[in-house]
Amino acid sequence: MDGGRADQPALIYDSPVTNAKKVFTYRELRDAVALFAGALRAQGVEKGDRVIVYMPMVPEAVVAMLACARIGAIHSVVFGGFAAKALATRINDARPRVMVSASCGIEGSKVVHYKPLLDEAIELAGHKPEHCIILQRPQAQAALRAGRDLDWAEAVAAAQPVGTPDAGAFWRVISEYEVKVMFTAPTAFRAIKREDPEGEVSGAVRPERLQGALPGRGAV
């Protein structure tokens, strides 16, 4: 990697909701994954163990999944913000050794506090994870439980456009980063068409161009 694609972009984070952008090269992503894999190992995660990733759509979610793959752990992704009862069901099913989460998620202009949901889910679940690693986001700080919870930064040291300010966000990202292939949910295109039916925002394509991109289910 160091002599090949090390300095090429591997992961591009572009959030029109928080106005945040970050580009990870292959080298940077490899290093971040390796560090977090070490943090998981330090909490006892071994090959075959389960880890639940309950996070918003941030780069750290990708890092957590790749870190699990790096050490042979099995990761289960639960959509960030799921209700405590639904999360508890998934905890009982997966029986994770570690939970990876964040202090909050952002839905439009609303801050959704994940930590209270996570705490309630663990209380409801019959299986109790040994540790929770929490990414503290600037929009909200979560209270950590001594003995169980760890701060992501300290642990490492030891788009869809629905509700976004701009219905043309997809097209801007495609143009800005010269995207050749995009995987997304069909509901994303339905949302764009609903919010910008004439394709006038930020150069969005006209609605007839979207007709072939609305399968009943699956990614497009």
C-alpha atoms as a PDB file:
ATOM      1  CA  MET A   1       0.000   0.000   0.000  1.00  0.00           C
ATOM      2  CA  ASP A   2       2.729   2.489   0.915  1.00  0.00           C
ATOM      3  CA  GLY A   3       4.164   2.251  -2.563  1.00  0.00           C
ATOM      4  CA  GLY A   4       0.859   2.100  -4.430  1.00  0.00           C
ATOM      5  CA  ARG A   5      -2.466   3.693  -3.516  1.00  0.00           C
ATOM      6  CA  ALA A   6      -1.450   4.912  -0.058  1.00  0.00           C
ATOM      7  CA  ASP A   7      -2.136   8.575  -0.796  1.00  0.00           C
ATOM      8  CA  GLN A   8      -5.267   8.102  -2.890  1.00  0.00           C
ATOM      9  CA  PRO A   9      -8.682   8.835  -1.322  1.00  0.00           C
ATOM     10  CA  ALA A  10     -10.214   5.713   0.203  1.00  0.00           C
ATOM     11  CA  LEU A  11     -13.114   7.207   2.173  1.00  0.00           C
ATOM     12  CA  ILE A  12     -14.802  10.560   1.648  1.00  0.00           C
ATOM     13  CA  TYR A  13     -17.095  11.919   4.355  1.00  0.00           C
ATOM     14  CA  ASP A  14     -19.303  14.784   3.232  1.00  0.00           C
ATOM     15  CA  SER A  15     -22.173  15.780   5.532  1.00  0.00           C
ATOM     16  CA  PRO A  16     -24.420  18.624   4.370  1.00  0.00           C
ATOM     17  CA  VAL A  17     -26.226  18.380   7.714  1.00  0.00           C
ATOM     18  CA  THR A  18     -23.205  19.243   9.864  1.00  0.00           C
ATOM     19  CA  ASN A  19     -21.215  20.965   7.080  1.00  0.00           C
ATOM     20  CA  ALA A  20     -18.348  18.586   7.753  1.00  0.00           C
ATOM     21  CA  LYS A  21     -15.975  17.115   5.179  1.00  0.00           C
ATOM     22  CA  LYS A  22     -13.082  14.735   5.642  1.00  0.00           C
ATOM     23  CA  VAL A  23     -11.061  12.654   3.207  1.00  0.00           C
ATOM     24  CA  PHE A  24      -9.178   9.556   4.374  1.00  0.00           C
ATOM     25  CA  THR A  25      -6.381   8.230   2.205  1.00  0.00           C
ATOM     26  CA  TYR A  26      -5.819   4.497   2.101  1.00  0.00           C
ATOM     27  CA  ARG A  27      -2.887   4.941   4.482  1.00  0.00           C
ATOM     28  CA  GLU A  28      -4.924   7.030   6.932  1.00  0.00           C
ATOM     29  CA  LEU A  29      -7.837   4.602   6.835  1.00  0.00           C
ATOM     30  CA  ARG A  30      -5.537   1.628   7.352  1.00  0.00           C
ATOM     31  CA  ASP A  31      -3.935   3.299  10.349  1.00  0.00           C
ATOM     32  CA  ALA A  32      -7.285   4.307  11.886  1.00  0.00           C
ATOM     33  CA  VAL A  33      -8.618   0.775  11.450  1.00  0.00           C
ATOM     34  CA  ALA A  34      -5.496  -0.741  12.957  1.00  0.00           C
ATOM     35  CA  LEU A  35      -5.707   1.545  16.001  1.00  0.00           C
ATOM     36  CA  PHE A  36      -9.350   0.761  16.631  1.00  0.00           C
ATOM     37  CA  ALA A  37      -8.761  -2.947  16.121  1.00  0.00           C
ATOM     38  CA  GLY A  38      -6.203  -2.641  18.892  1.00  0.00           C
ATOM     39  CA  ALA A  39      -8.769  -0.895  21.091  1.00  0.00           C
ATOM     40  CA  LEU A  40     -11.232  -3.748  20.531  1.00  0.00           C
ATOM     41  CA  ARG A  41      -8.580  -6.301  21.324  1.00  0.00           C
ATOM     42  CA  ALA A  42      -7.768  -4.433  24.522  1.00  0.00           C
ATOM     43  CA  GLN A  43     -11.394  -4.950  25.572  1.00  0.00           C
ATOM     44  CA  GLY A  44     -11.139  -8.687  25.018  1.00  0.00           C
ATOM     45  CA  VAL A  45     -12.622  -8.960  21.533  1.00  0.00           C
ATOM     46  CA  GLU A  46     -11.249 -12.002  19.717  1.00  0.00           C
ATOM     47  CA  LYS A  47     -11.935 -13.814  16.463  1.00  0.00           C
ATOM     48  CA  GLY A  48     -15.547 -14.979  16.366  1.00  0.00           C
ATOM     49  CA  ASP A  49     -16.762 -12.548  19.042  1.00  0.00           C
ATOM     50  CA  ARG A  50     -19.644 -10.248  18.183  1.00  0.00           C
ATOM     51  CA  VAL A  51     -19.634  -6.449  18.183  1.00  0.00           C
ATOM     52  CA  ILE A  52     -22.719  -4.306  17.674  1.00  0.00           C
ATOM     53  CA  VAL A  53     -22.156  -1.021  15.823  1.00  0.00           C
ATOM     54  CA  TYR A  54     -24.936   1.427  16.785  1.00  0.00           C
ATOM     55  CA  MET A  55     -23.755   4.619  15.159  1.00  0.00           C
ATOM     56  CA  PRO A  56     -24.701   7.502  12.898  1.00  0.00           C
ATOM     57  CA  MET A  57     -23.314   7.748   9.370  1.00  0.00           C
ATOM     58  CA  VAL A  58     -19.851   8.977  10.332  1.00  0.00           C
ATOM     59  CA  PRO A  59     -16.402   7.734   9.257  1.00  0.00           C
ATOM     60  CA  GLU A  60     -15.889   6.031  12.614  1.00  0.00           C
ATOM     61  CA  ALA A  61     -18.717   3.618  11.785  1.00  0.00           C
ATOM     62  CA  VAL A  62     -16.740   2.399   8.767  1.00  0.00           C
ATOM     63  CA  VAL A  63     -13.576   2.231  10.859  1.00  0.00           C
ATOM     64  CA  ALA A  64     -15.365   0.114  13.474  1.00  0.00           C
ATOM     65  CA  MET A  65     -16.670  -2.349  10.881  1.00  0.00           C
ATOM     66  CA  LEU A  66     -13.294  -2.702   9.181  1.00  0.00           C
ATOM     67  CA  ALA A  67     -11.585  -3.096  12.556  1.00  0.00           C
ATOM     68  CA  CYS A  68     -13.884  -6.004  13.360  1.00  0.00           C
ATOM     69  CA  ALA A  69     -13.027  -7.614  10.028  1.00  0.00           C
ATOM     70  CA  ARG A  70      -9.337  -7.072  10.698  1.00  0.00           C
ATOM     71  CA  ILE A  71      -9.406  -9.168  13.867  1.00  0.00           C
ATOM     72  CA  GLY A  72     -12.021 -11.676  12.699  1.00  0.00           C
ATOM     73  CA  ALA A  73     -14.837 -10.412  14.920  1.00  0.00           C
ATOM     74  CA  ILE A  74     -18.425 -10.450  13.665  1.00  0.00           C
ATOM     75  CA  HIS A  75     -20.073  -7.045  13.502  1.00  0.00           C
ATOM     76  CA  SER A  76     -23.789  -6.380  13.532  1.00  0.00           C
ATOM     77  CA  VAL A  77     -24.865  -2.938  12.360  1.00  0.00           C
ATOM     78  CA  VAL A  78     -27.944  -1.479  14.047  1.00  0.00           C
ATOM     79  CA  PHE A  79     -29.279   1.761  12.601  1.00  0.00           C
ATOM     80  CA  GLY A  80     -28.331   4.619  14.911  1.00  0.00           C
ATOM     81  CA  GLY A  81     -31.335   5.985  16.785  1.00  0.00           C
ATOM     82  CA  PHE A  82     -33.299   2.722  16.862  1.00  0.00           C
ATOM     83  CA  ALA A  83     -35.588   2.552  19.892  1.00  0.00           C
ATOM     84  CA  ALA A  84     -34.221   0.942  23.046  1.00  0.00           C
ATOM     85  CA  LYS A  85     -36.572  -2.060  22.872  1.00  0.00           C
ATOM     86  CA  ALA A  86     -35.575  -2.822  19.278  1.00  0.00           C
ATOM     87  CA  LEU A  87     -31.899  -2.462  20.160  1.00  0.00           C
ATOM     88  CA  ALA A  88     -32.339  -4.734  23.192  1.00  0.00           C
ATOM     89  CA  THR A  89     -33.742  -7.441  20.915  1.00  0.00           C
ATOM     90  CA  ARG A  90     -30.668  -7.229  18.720  1.00  0.00           C
ATOM     91  CA  ILE A  91     -28.373  -7.319  21.747  1.00  0.00           C
ATOM     92  CA  ASN A  92     -30.020 -10.541  22.914  1.00  0.00           C
ATOM     93  CA  ASP A  93     -29.748 -12.011  19.428  1.00  0.00           C
ATOM     94  CA  ALA A  94     -26.114 -11.079  18.714  1.00  0.00           C
ATOM     95  CA  ARG A  95     -24.826 -11.360  22.311  1.00  0.00           C
ATOM     96  CA  PRO A  96     -22.014  -8.846  21.671  1.00  0.00           C
ATOM     97  CA  ARG A  97     -18.947  -8.592  23.818  1.00  0.00           C
ATOM     98  CA  VAL A  98     -18.622  -4.887  22.974  1.00  0.00           C
ATOM     99  CA  MET A  99     -20.992  -2.174  21.760  1.00  0.00           C
ATOM    100  CA  VAL A 100     -19.685   0.689  19.627  1.00  0.00           C
ATOM    101  CA  SER A 101     -21.835   3.797  19.613  1.00  0.00           C
ATOM    102  CA  ALA A 102     -21.827   7.593  19.633  1.00  0.00           C
ATOM    103  CA  SER A 103     -23.102  10.277  21.938  1.00  0.00           C
ATOM    104  CA  CYS A 104     -25.657  11.391  19.375  1.00  0.00           C
ATOM    105  CA  GLY A 105     -26.841  11.473  15.795  1.00  0.00           C
ATOM    106  CA  ILE A 106     -28.127  14.397  13.738  1.00  0.00           C
ATOM    107  CA  GLU A 107     -31.434  14.173  11.879  1.00  0.00           C
ATOM    108  CA  GLY A 108     -31.968  17.402   9.987  1.00  0.00           C
ATOM    109  CA  SER A 109     -31.671  20.056  12.696  1.00  0.00           C
ATOM    110  CA  LYS A 110     -32.517  17.650  15.518  1.00  0.00           C
ATOM    111  CA  VAL A 111     -29.916  16.135  17.831  1.00  0.00           C
ATOM    112  CA  VAL A 112     -30.833  12.550  18.749  1.00  0.00           C
ATOM    113  CA  HIS A 113     -29.114  11.425  21.934  1.00  0.00           C
ATOM    114  CA  TYR A 114     -28.005   7.819  21.459  1.00  0.00           C
ATOM    115  CA  LYS A 115     -26.491   7.125  24.862  1.00  0.00           C
ATOM    116  CA  PRO A 116     -29.767   7.130  26.853  1.00  0.00           C
ATOM    117  CA  LEU A 117     -31.231   4.746  24.262  1.00  0.00           C
ATOM    118  CA  LEU A 118     -28.177   2.509  24.541  1.00  0.00           C
ATOM    119  CA  ASP A 119     -28.304   2.508  28.350  1.00  0.00           C
ATOM    120  CA  GLU A 120     -32.005   1.632  28.361  1.00  0.00           C
ATOM    121  CA  ALA A 121     -31.489  -1.127  25.797  1.00  0.00           C
ATOM    122  CA  ILE A 122     -28.784  -2.743  27.905  1.00  0.00           C
ATOM    123  CA  GLU A 123     -31.048  -2.548  30.961  1.00  0.00           C
ATOM    124  CA  LEU A 124     -33.827  -4.287  29.016  1.00  0.00           C
ATOM    125  CA  ALA A 125     -31.588  -6.936  27.449  1.00  0.00           C
ATOM    126  CA  GLY A 126     -30.891 -10.245  29.091  1.00  0.00           C
ATOM    127  CA  HIS A 127     -27.368 -10.245  27.668  1.00  0.00           C
ATOM    128  CA  LYS A 128     -25.054  -7.571  29.040  1.00  0.00           C
ATOM    129  CA  PRO A 129     -22.136  -6.397  26.865  1.00  0.00           C
ATOM    130  CA  GLU A 130     -18.864  -6.150  28.736  1.00  0.00           C
ATOM    131  CA  HIS A 131     -17.953  -2.726  27.362  1.00  0.00           C
ATOM    132  CA  CYS A 132     -19.319   0.147  25.292  1.00  0.00           C
ATOM    133  CA  ILE A 133     -17.012   2.383  23.269  1.00  0.00           C
ATOM    134  CA  ILE A 134     -18.605   5.795  22.757  1.00  0.00           C
ATOM    135  CA  LEU A 135     -17.651   8.372  20.143  1.00  0.00           C
ATOM    136  CA  GLN A 136     -18.182  11.781  21.747  1.00  0.00           C
ATOM    137  CA  ARG A 137     -19.518  14.175  19.108  1.00  0.00           C
ATOM    138  CA  PRO A 138     -19.353  17.978  19.460  1.00  0.00           C
ATOM    139  CA  GLN A 139     -23.145  18.313  19.243  1.00  0.00           C
ATOM    140  CA  ALA A 140     -23.645  16.404  22.524  1.00  0.00           C
ATOM    141  CA  GLN A 141     -21.481  14.841  25.212  1.00  0.00           C
ATOM    142  CA  ALA A 142     -22.623  11.581  26.788  1.00  0.00           C
ATOM    143  CA  ALA A 143     -22.175  10.584  30.412  1.00  0.00           C
ATOM    144  CA  LEU A 144     -20.071   7.420  30.612  1.00  0.00           C
ATOM    145  CA  ARG A 145     -20.669   4.646  33.128  1.00  0.00           C
ATOM    146  CA  ALA A 146     -17.543   3.798  35.080  1.00  0.00           C
ATOM    147  CA  GLY A 147     -16.295   0.286  34.529  1.00  0.00           C
ATOM    148  CA  ARG A 148     -18.311  -0.309  31.365  1.00  0.00           C
ATOM    149  CA  ASP A 149     -18.054   2.676  29.037  1.00  0.00           C
ATOM    150  CA  LEU A 150     -14.967   4.014  27.320  1.00  0.00           C
ATOM    151  CA  ASP A 151     -14.419   7.199  25.353  1.00  0.00           C
ATOM    152  CA  TRP A 152     -13.506   6.393  21.720  1.00  0.00           C
ATOM    153  CA  ALA A 153     -10.549   8.790  21.707  1.00  0.00           C
ATOM    154  CA  GLU A 154      -9.195   7.453  24.981  1.00  0.00           C
ATOM    155  CA  ALA A 155      -9.788   3.817  23.942  1.00  0.00           C
ATOM    156  CA  VAL A 156      -7.857   4.387  20.721  1.00  0.00           C
ATOM    157  CA  ALA A 157      -5.095   6.294  22.502  1.00  0.00           C
ATOM    158  CA  ALA A 158      -4.494   3.439  25.141  1.00  0.00           C
ATOM    159  CA  ALA A 159     -26.212  10.359   2.781  1.00  0.00           C
ATOM    160  CA  GLN A 160     -28.927  10.094   2.171  1.00  0.00           C
ATOM    161  CA  PRO A 161     -30.164  13.460   1.398  1.00  0.00           C
ATOM    162  CA  VAL A 162     -33.505  13.157   3.234  1.00  0.00           C
ATOM    163  CA  GLY A 163     -33.857  16.170   5.488  1.00  0.00           C
ATOM    164  CA  THR A 164     -30.638  17.803   4.291  1.00  0.00           C
ATOM    165  CA  PRO A 165     -30.625  21.507   3.451  1.00  0.00           C
ATOM    166  CA  ASP A 166     -30.077  20.852  -0.266  1.00  0.00           C
ATOM    167  CA  ALA A 167     -31.958  18.329  -2.401  1.00  0.00           C
ATOM    168  CA  GLY A 168     -29.070  18.532  -4.878  1.00  0.00           C
ATOM    169  CA  ALA A 169     -26.526  17.151  -2.404  1.00  0.00           C
ATOM    170  CA  PHE A 170     -26.241  13.816  -4.225  1.00  0.00           C
ATOM    171  CA  TRP A 171     -25.446  15.485  -7.525  1.00  0.00           C
ATOM    172  CA  ARG A 172     -22.933  17.861  -5.969  1.00  0.00           C
ATOM    173  CA  VAL A 173     -21.090  14.924  -4.373  1.00  0.00           C
ATOM    174  CA  ILE A 174     -21.143  12.988  -7.647  1.00  0.00           C
ATOM    175  CA  SER A 175     -19.760  15.970  -9.549  1.00  0.00           C
ATOM    176  CA  GLU A 176     -17.243  17.123  -6.937  1.00  0.00           C
ATOM    177  CA  TYR A 177     -15.713  13.688  -6.383  1.00  0.00           C
ATOM    178  CA  GLU A 178     -16.191  12.326  -9.928  1.00  0.00           C
ATOM    179  CA  VAL A 179     -18.227   9.403  -8.650  1.00  0.00           C
ATOM    180  CA  LYS A 180     -18.568   6.560 -11.138  1.00  0.00           C
ATOM    181  CA  VAL A 181     -20.744   4.171  -9.085  1.00  0.00           C
ATOM    182  CA  MET A 182     -23.112   4.954  -6.211  1.00  0.00           C
ATOM    183  CA  PHE A 183     -24.977   2.502  -4.008  1.00  0.00           C
ATOM    184  CA  THR A 184     -27.968   3.936  -2.165  1.00  0.00           C
ATOM    185  CA  ALA A 185     -31.509   3.187  -1.082  1.00  0.00           C
ATOM    186  CA  PRO A 186     -34.308   3.844  -3.586  1.00  0.00           C
ATOM    187  CA  THR A 187     -36.028   5.945  -0.926  1.00  0.00           C
ATOM    188  CA  ALA A 188     -33.230   8.484  -1.317  1.00  0.00           C
ATOM    189  CA  PHE A 189     -34.187   9.127  -4.935  1.00  0.00           C
ATOM    190  CA  ARG A 190     -37.866   9.261  -4.045  1.00  0.00           C
ATOM    191  CA  ALA A 191     -37.045  11.905  -1.432  1.00  0.00           C
ATOM    192  CA  ILE A 192     -35.058  13.955  -3.944  1.00  0.00           C
ATOM    193  CA  LYS A 193     -37.899  13.774  -6.447  1.00  0.00           C
ATOM    194  CA  ARG A 194     -40.423  14.815  -3.787  1.00  0.00           C
ATOM    195  CA  GLU A 195     -38.362  17.795  -2.589  1.00  0.00           C
ATOM    196  CA  ASP A 196     -37.162  18.895  -6.017  1.00  0.00           C
ATOM    197  CA  PRO A 197     -39.639  17.511  -8.602  1.00  0.00           C
ATOM    198  CA  GLU A 198     -38.365  19.717 -11.437  1.00  0.00           C
ATOM    199  CA  GLY A 199     -34.674  19.038 -10.785  1.00  0.00           C
ATOM    200  CA  GLU A 200     -33.920  22.727 -10.278  1.00  0.00           C
ATOM    201  CA  VAL A 201     -31.840  22.607  -7.087  1.00  0.00           C
ATOM    202  CA  SER A 202     -28.037  22.617  -7.481  1.00  0.00           C
ATOM    203  CA  GLY A 203     -28.232  21.162 -10.952  1.00  0.00           C
ATOM    204  CA  ALA A 204     -30.162  18.060  -9.896  1.00  0.00           C
ATOM    205  CA  VAL A 205     -31.230  15.826 -12.788  1.00  0.00           C
ATOM    206  CA  ARG A 206     -34.764  16.138 -14.053  1.00  0.00           C
ATOM    207  CA  PRO A 207     -37.330  13.727 -12.555  1.00  0.00           C
ATOM    208  CA  GLU A 208     -37.684  11.645 -15.717  1.00  0.00           C
ATOM    209  CA  ARG A 209     -34.019  10.707 -15.285  1.00  0.00           C
ATOM    210  CA  LEU A 210     -34.919   9.142 -11.942  1.00  0.00           C
ATOM    211  CA  GLN A 211     -37.629   6.823 -13.243  1.00  0.00           C
ATOM    212  CA  GLY A 212     -35.180   4.017 -13.946  1.00  0.00           C
ATOM    213  CA  ALA A 213     -33.567   4.395 -10.534  1.00  0.00           C
ATOM    214  CA  LEU A 214     -36.527   3.500  -8.366  1.00  0.00           C
ATOM    215  CA  PRO A 215     -36.594  -0.292  -7.925  1.00  0.00           C
ATOM    216  CA  GLY A 216     -39.020  -1.664  -5.415  1.00  0.00           C
ATOM    217  CA  ARG A 217     -36.253  -2.762  -3.082  1.00  0.00           C
ATOM    218  CA  GLY A 218     -32.503  -3.146  -2.826  1.00  0.00           C
ATOM    219  CA  ALA A 219     -29.650  -0.807  -3.682  1.00  0.00           C
ATOM    220  CA  VAL A 220     -29.251   1.066  -6.944  1.00  0.00           C
END
